[in-house]
Amino acid sequence: MGRPRKVLDFNKKHFTKDEIAERQATESAYKLRNDQLTPPENLSARAKAEFDRIKSMAFWLDNLDLNELILYCFYWDRILSILEEYDGQPEVIESASGDGSSKIVSNPLRKALREYHGEMRAISLKLGLYSIDRLKLIAPKPEKPVNKFLEFMK
């Protein structure tokens, strides 16, 4: 399987004018504007509020993926629901087995929290929701060559 295609601004390869025009046309055809992003009806009210908050905050992204944003908001809502349910419960619980014995196991809500948190972190990296992730999404600035003769004249 080949590498995923890079956005023109992030690519270091030298393109011809025709290749640049073709890539710009392709990128603009697949680009979503923020006003085109709407949360689906099946998201909860809390997830829709998070969707709108991220949409208003994500001005730096021009290729915001709607599916990733919907999943992020869904997981965010699920984590808050689990935290509300988890509040006041013990870290470990006693589980009875079929033969009458019991063993102490970790609360299953902890496992669900870890799984949802892992999914959220992976998605937030793609969306650039953390400042360190946004730095990875910023296009590199071209370096200006140093003119040695001008330095010599000084």
C-alpha atoms as a PDB file:
ATOM      1  CA  MET A   1       0.000   0.000   0.000  1.00  0.00           C
ATOM      2  CA  GLY A   2       1.384   3.409  -0.937  1.00  0.00           C
ATOM      3  CA  ARG A   3       1.814   6.420   1.254  1.00  0.00           C
ATOM      4  CA  PRO A   4      -1.127   8.754   1.750  1.00  0.00           C
ATOM      5  CA  ARG A   5      -1.169  11.821  -0.459  1.00  0.00           C
ATOM      6  CA  LYS A   6       0.200  15.013   1.095  1.00  0.00           C
ATOM      7  CA  VAL A   7      -1.459  18.379   0.849  1.00  0.00           C
ATOM      8  CA  LEU A   8       0.305  20.704  -1.579  1.00  0.00           C
ATOM      9  CA  ASP A   9       1.363  23.134   1.165  1.00  0.00           C
ATOM     10  CA  PHE A  10       3.072  20.343   3.126  1.00  0.00           C
ATOM     11  CA  ASN A  11       4.855  18.814   0.166  1.00  0.00           C
ATOM     12  CA  LYS A  12       8.540  19.610  -0.354  1.00  0.00           C
ATOM     13  CA  LYS A  13       8.676  18.261  -3.893  1.00  0.00           C
ATOM     14  CA  HIS A  14       9.112  20.756  -6.749  1.00  0.00           C
ATOM     15  CA  PHE A  15       5.991  20.658  -8.914  1.00  0.00           C
ATOM     16  CA  THR A  16       5.460  22.102 -12.359  1.00  0.00           C
ATOM     17  CA  LYS A  17       2.849  24.826 -12.799  1.00  0.00           C
ATOM     18  CA  ASP A  18       0.448  22.305 -14.324  1.00  0.00           C
ATOM     19  CA  GLU A  19       0.887  19.883 -11.410  1.00  0.00           C
ATOM     20  CA  ILE A  20       0.338  22.708  -8.916  1.00  0.00           C
ATOM     21  CA  ALA A  21      -2.848  23.826 -10.676  1.00  0.00           C
ATOM     22  CA  GLU A  22      -4.127  20.237 -10.805  1.00  0.00           C
ATOM     23  CA  ARG A  23      -3.439  19.632  -7.122  1.00  0.00           C
ATOM     24  CA  GLN A  24      -5.008  22.945  -6.087  1.00  0.00           C
ATOM     25  CA  ALA A  25      -8.140  22.099  -8.073  1.00  0.00           C
ATOM     26  CA  THR A  26      -8.331  18.647  -6.483  1.00  0.00           C
ATOM     27  CA  GLU A  27      -7.809  19.992  -2.964  1.00  0.00           C
ATOM     28  CA  SER A  28     -10.405  22.746  -3.357  1.00  0.00           C
ATOM     29  CA  ALA A  29     -12.958  20.218  -4.634  1.00  0.00           C
ATOM     30  CA  TYR A  30     -12.577  18.091  -1.493  1.00  0.00           C
ATOM     31  CA  LYS A  31     -12.230  20.924   0.986  1.00  0.00           C
ATOM     32  CA  LEU A  32     -15.051  21.535   3.480  1.00  0.00           C
ATOM     33  CA  ARG A  33     -15.830  25.002   4.750  1.00  0.00           C
ATOM     34  CA  ASN A  34     -16.786  25.396   8.401  1.00  0.00           C
ATOM     35  CA  ASP A  35     -20.282  26.573   7.504  1.00  0.00           C
ATOM     36  CA  GLN A  36     -20.852  23.260   5.696  1.00  0.00           C
ATOM     37  CA  LEU A  37     -20.229  21.260   8.868  1.00  0.00           C
ATOM     38  CA  THR A  38     -23.411  20.328  10.709  1.00  0.00           C
ATOM     39  CA  PRO A  39     -23.787  17.744  13.457  1.00  0.00           C
ATOM     40  CA  PRO A  40     -25.950  14.716  12.636  1.00  0.00           C
ATOM     41  CA  GLU A  41     -29.355  14.405  14.267  1.00  0.00           C
ATOM     42  CA  ASN A  42     -28.481  11.236  16.196  1.00  0.00           C
ATOM     43  CA  LEU A  43     -25.826  12.970  18.333  1.00  0.00           C
ATOM     44  CA  SER A  44     -26.900  13.932  21.829  1.00  0.00           C
ATOM     45  CA  ALA A  45     -27.378  17.585  22.749  1.00  0.00           C
ATOM     46  CA  ARG A  46     -24.136  17.561  24.730  1.00  0.00           C
ATOM     47  CA  ALA A  47     -22.205  16.086  21.788  1.00  0.00           C
ATOM     48  CA  LYS A  48     -23.757  18.651  19.422  1.00  0.00           C
ATOM     49  CA  ALA A  49     -22.625  21.452  21.731  1.00  0.00           C
ATOM     50  CA  GLU A  50     -19.072  20.056  21.641  1.00  0.00           C
ATOM     51  CA  PHE A  51     -19.326  19.763  17.850  1.00  0.00           C
ATOM     52  CA  ASP A  52     -20.247  23.448  17.572  1.00  0.00           C
ATOM     53  CA  ARG A  53     -17.503  24.460  20.023  1.00  0.00           C
ATOM     54  CA  ILE A  54     -14.813  22.649  18.026  1.00  0.00           C
ATOM     55  CA  LYS A  55     -16.220  23.905  14.726  1.00  0.00           C
ATOM     56  CA  SER A  56     -15.979  27.514  15.906  1.00  0.00           C
ATOM     57  CA  MET A  57     -12.500  26.956  17.321  1.00  0.00           C
ATOM     58  CA  ALA A  58     -11.073  25.022  14.358  1.00  0.00           C
ATOM     59  CA  PHE A  59     -10.461  27.991  12.082  1.00  0.00           C
ATOM     60  CA  TRP A  60      -6.908  26.799  11.366  1.00  0.00           C
ATOM     61  CA  LEU A  61      -8.090  23.662   9.622  1.00  0.00           C
ATOM     62  CA  ASP A  62      -9.237  23.731   6.047  1.00  0.00           C
ATOM     63  CA  ASN A  63      -9.576  19.980   5.641  1.00  0.00           C
ATOM     64  CA  LEU A  64     -11.572  19.234   8.754  1.00  0.00           C
ATOM     65  CA  ASP A  65     -12.920  15.733   8.422  1.00  0.00           C
ATOM     66  CA  LEU A  66     -16.567  15.575   9.333  1.00  0.00           C
ATOM     67  CA  ASN A  67     -16.549  11.877  10.262  1.00  0.00           C
ATOM     68  CA  GLU A  68     -13.602  12.286  12.611  1.00  0.00           C
ATOM     69  CA  LEU A  69     -15.249  15.269  14.276  1.00  0.00           C
ATOM     70  CA  ILE A  70     -18.519  13.360  14.751  1.00  0.00           C
ATOM     71  CA  LEU A  71     -16.662  10.404  16.307  1.00  0.00           C
ATOM     72  CA  TYR A  72     -14.689  12.711  18.590  1.00  0.00           C
ATOM     73  CA  CYS A  73     -17.890  14.341  19.869  1.00  0.00           C
ATOM     74  CA  PHE A  74     -19.558  10.947  20.301  1.00  0.00           C
ATOM     75  CA  TYR A  75     -16.639   9.636  22.392  1.00  0.00           C
ATOM     76  CA  TRP A  76     -16.516  12.886  24.360  1.00  0.00           C
ATOM     77  CA  ASP A  77     -20.183  12.510  25.289  1.00  0.00           C
ATOM     78  CA  ARG A  78     -19.714   8.833  26.194  1.00  0.00           C
ATOM     79  CA  ILE A  79     -16.763   9.646  28.454  1.00  0.00           C
ATOM     80  CA  LEU A  80     -18.795  12.271  30.305  1.00  0.00           C
ATOM     81  CA  SER A  81     -21.645   9.771  30.750  1.00  0.00           C
ATOM     82  CA  ILE A  82     -19.260   7.144  32.092  1.00  0.00           C
ATOM     83  CA  LEU A  83     -17.659   9.654  34.467  1.00  0.00           C
ATOM     84  CA  GLU A  84     -21.070  10.608  35.838  1.00  0.00           C
ATOM     85  CA  GLU A  85     -21.879   6.929  36.404  1.00  0.00           C
ATOM     86  CA  TYR A  86     -18.405   6.172  37.786  1.00  0.00           C
ATOM     87  CA  ASP A  87     -18.552   8.941  40.395  1.00  0.00           C
ATOM     88  CA  GLY A  88     -18.600   7.387  43.845  1.00  0.00           C
ATOM     89  CA  GLN A  89     -18.045   3.805  42.693  1.00  0.00           C
ATOM     90  CA  PRO A  90     -15.103   1.760  43.976  1.00  0.00           C
ATOM     91  CA  GLU A  91     -11.995   1.189  41.873  1.00  0.00           C
ATOM     92  CA  VAL A  92     -12.310  -2.581  42.253  1.00  0.00           C
ATOM     93  CA  ILE A  93     -15.407  -4.712  42.610  1.00  0.00           C
ATOM     94  CA  GLU A  94     -16.038  -8.257  43.789  1.00  0.00           C
ATOM     95  CA  SER A  95     -17.189 -10.522  40.981  1.00  0.00           C
ATOM     96  CA  ALA A  96     -18.963 -13.821  41.689  1.00  0.00           C
ATOM     97  CA  SER A  97     -18.154 -16.789  39.492  1.00  0.00           C
ATOM     98  CA  GLY A  98     -20.395 -19.761  38.639  1.00  0.00           C
ATOM     99  CA  ASP A  99     -18.850 -22.123  41.215  1.00  0.00           C
ATOM    100  CA  GLY A 100     -19.724 -19.919  44.178  1.00  0.00           C
ATOM    101  CA  SER A 101     -16.289 -18.330  44.573  1.00  0.00           C
ATOM    102  CA  SER A 102     -15.584 -14.680  44.011  1.00  0.00           C
ATOM    103  CA  LYS A 103     -12.641 -12.623  42.864  1.00  0.00           C
ATOM    104  CA  ILE A 104     -11.756  -8.966  42.912  1.00  0.00           C
ATOM    105  CA  VAL A 105     -11.616  -7.294  39.499  1.00  0.00           C
ATOM    106  CA  SER A 106     -11.134  -3.772  38.273  1.00  0.00           C
ATOM    107  CA  ASN A 107     -14.282  -1.750  37.724  1.00  0.00           C
ATOM    108  CA  PRO A 108     -15.374  -2.298  34.070  1.00  0.00           C
ATOM    109  CA  LEU A 109     -16.055   1.421  33.709  1.00  0.00           C
ATOM    110  CA  ARG A 110     -12.300   2.046  34.006  1.00  0.00           C
ATOM    111  CA  LYS A 111     -11.658  -0.118  30.948  1.00  0.00           C
ATOM    112  CA  ALA A 112     -14.351   1.718  28.985  1.00  0.00           C
ATOM    113  CA  LEU A 113     -12.827   5.067  29.974  1.00  0.00           C
ATOM    114  CA  ARG A 114      -9.375   3.966  28.790  1.00  0.00           C
ATOM    115  CA  GLU A 115     -10.718   2.714  25.460  1.00  0.00           C
ATOM    116  CA  TYR A 116     -12.736   5.858  24.735  1.00  0.00           C
ATOM    117  CA  HIS A 117      -9.849   8.067  25.806  1.00  0.00           C
ATOM    118  CA  GLY A 118      -7.482   6.233  23.449  1.00  0.00           C
ATOM    119  CA  GLU A 119      -9.905   6.712  20.564  1.00  0.00           C
ATOM    120  CA  MET A 120     -10.295  10.404  21.393  1.00  0.00           C
ATOM    121  CA  ARG A 121      -6.535  10.949  21.474  1.00  0.00           C
ATOM    122  CA  ALA A 122      -6.069   9.326  18.073  1.00  0.00           C
ATOM    123  CA  ILE A 123      -8.838  11.406  16.537  1.00  0.00           C
ATOM    124  CA  SER A 124      -7.719  14.651  18.181  1.00  0.00           C
ATOM    125  CA  LEU A 125      -4.261  14.161  16.674  1.00  0.00           C
ATOM    126  CA  LYS A 126      -5.824  14.054  13.201  1.00  0.00           C
ATOM    127  CA  LEU A 127      -7.980  17.088  13.911  1.00  0.00           C
ATOM    128  CA  GLY A 128      -5.188  19.085  15.536  1.00  0.00           C
ATOM    129  CA  LEU A 129      -7.144  19.812  18.705  1.00  0.00           C
ATOM    130  CA  TYR A 130      -4.066  19.967  20.930  1.00  0.00           C
ATOM    131  CA  SER A 131      -1.558  22.753  20.374  1.00  0.00           C
ATOM    132  CA  ILE A 132       1.337  20.327  19.838  1.00  0.00           C
ATOM    133  CA  ASP A 133      -0.695  18.540  17.154  1.00  0.00           C
ATOM    134  CA  ARG A 134      -1.466  21.837  15.421  1.00  0.00           C
ATOM    135  CA  LEU A 135       2.248  22.445  15.057  1.00  0.00           C
ATOM    136  CA  LYS A 136       2.454  19.258  13.005  1.00  0.00           C
ATOM    137  CA  LEU A 137      -0.313  20.526  10.724  1.00  0.00           C
ATOM    138  CA  ILE A 138       1.272  23.911  10.004  1.00  0.00           C
ATOM    139  CA  ALA A 139       2.888  24.168   6.610  1.00  0.00           C
ATOM    140  CA  PRO A 140       6.678  24.544   6.710  1.00  0.00           C
ATOM    141  CA  LYS A 141       7.959  27.958   5.743  1.00  0.00           C
ATOM    142  CA  PRO A 142      10.484  28.022   2.945  1.00  0.00           C
ATOM    143  CA  GLU A 143      13.990  28.780   4.092  1.00  0.00           C
ATOM    144  CA  LYS A 144      15.625  31.781   2.505  1.00  0.00           C
ATOM    145  CA  PRO A 145      19.146  31.103   1.253  1.00  0.00           C
ATOM    146  CA  VAL A 146      21.828  33.127   2.972  1.00  0.00           C
ATOM    147  CA  ASN A 147      23.623  35.524   0.684  1.00  0.00           C
ATOM    148  CA  LYS A 148      27.265  35.253   1.718  1.00  0.00           C
ATOM    149  CA  PHE A 149      28.265  38.324  -0.241  1.00  0.00           C
ATOM    150  CA  LEU A 150      25.873  40.583   1.682  1.00  0.00           C
ATOM    151  CA  GLU A 151      27.265  39.267   4.965  1.00  0.00           C
ATOM    152  CA  PHE A 152      30.781  39.982   3.689  1.00  0.00           C
ATOM    153  CA  MET A 153      29.793  43.578   2.791  1.00  0.00           C
ATOM    154  CA  LYS A 154      28.659  44.240   6.381  1.00  0.00           C
END
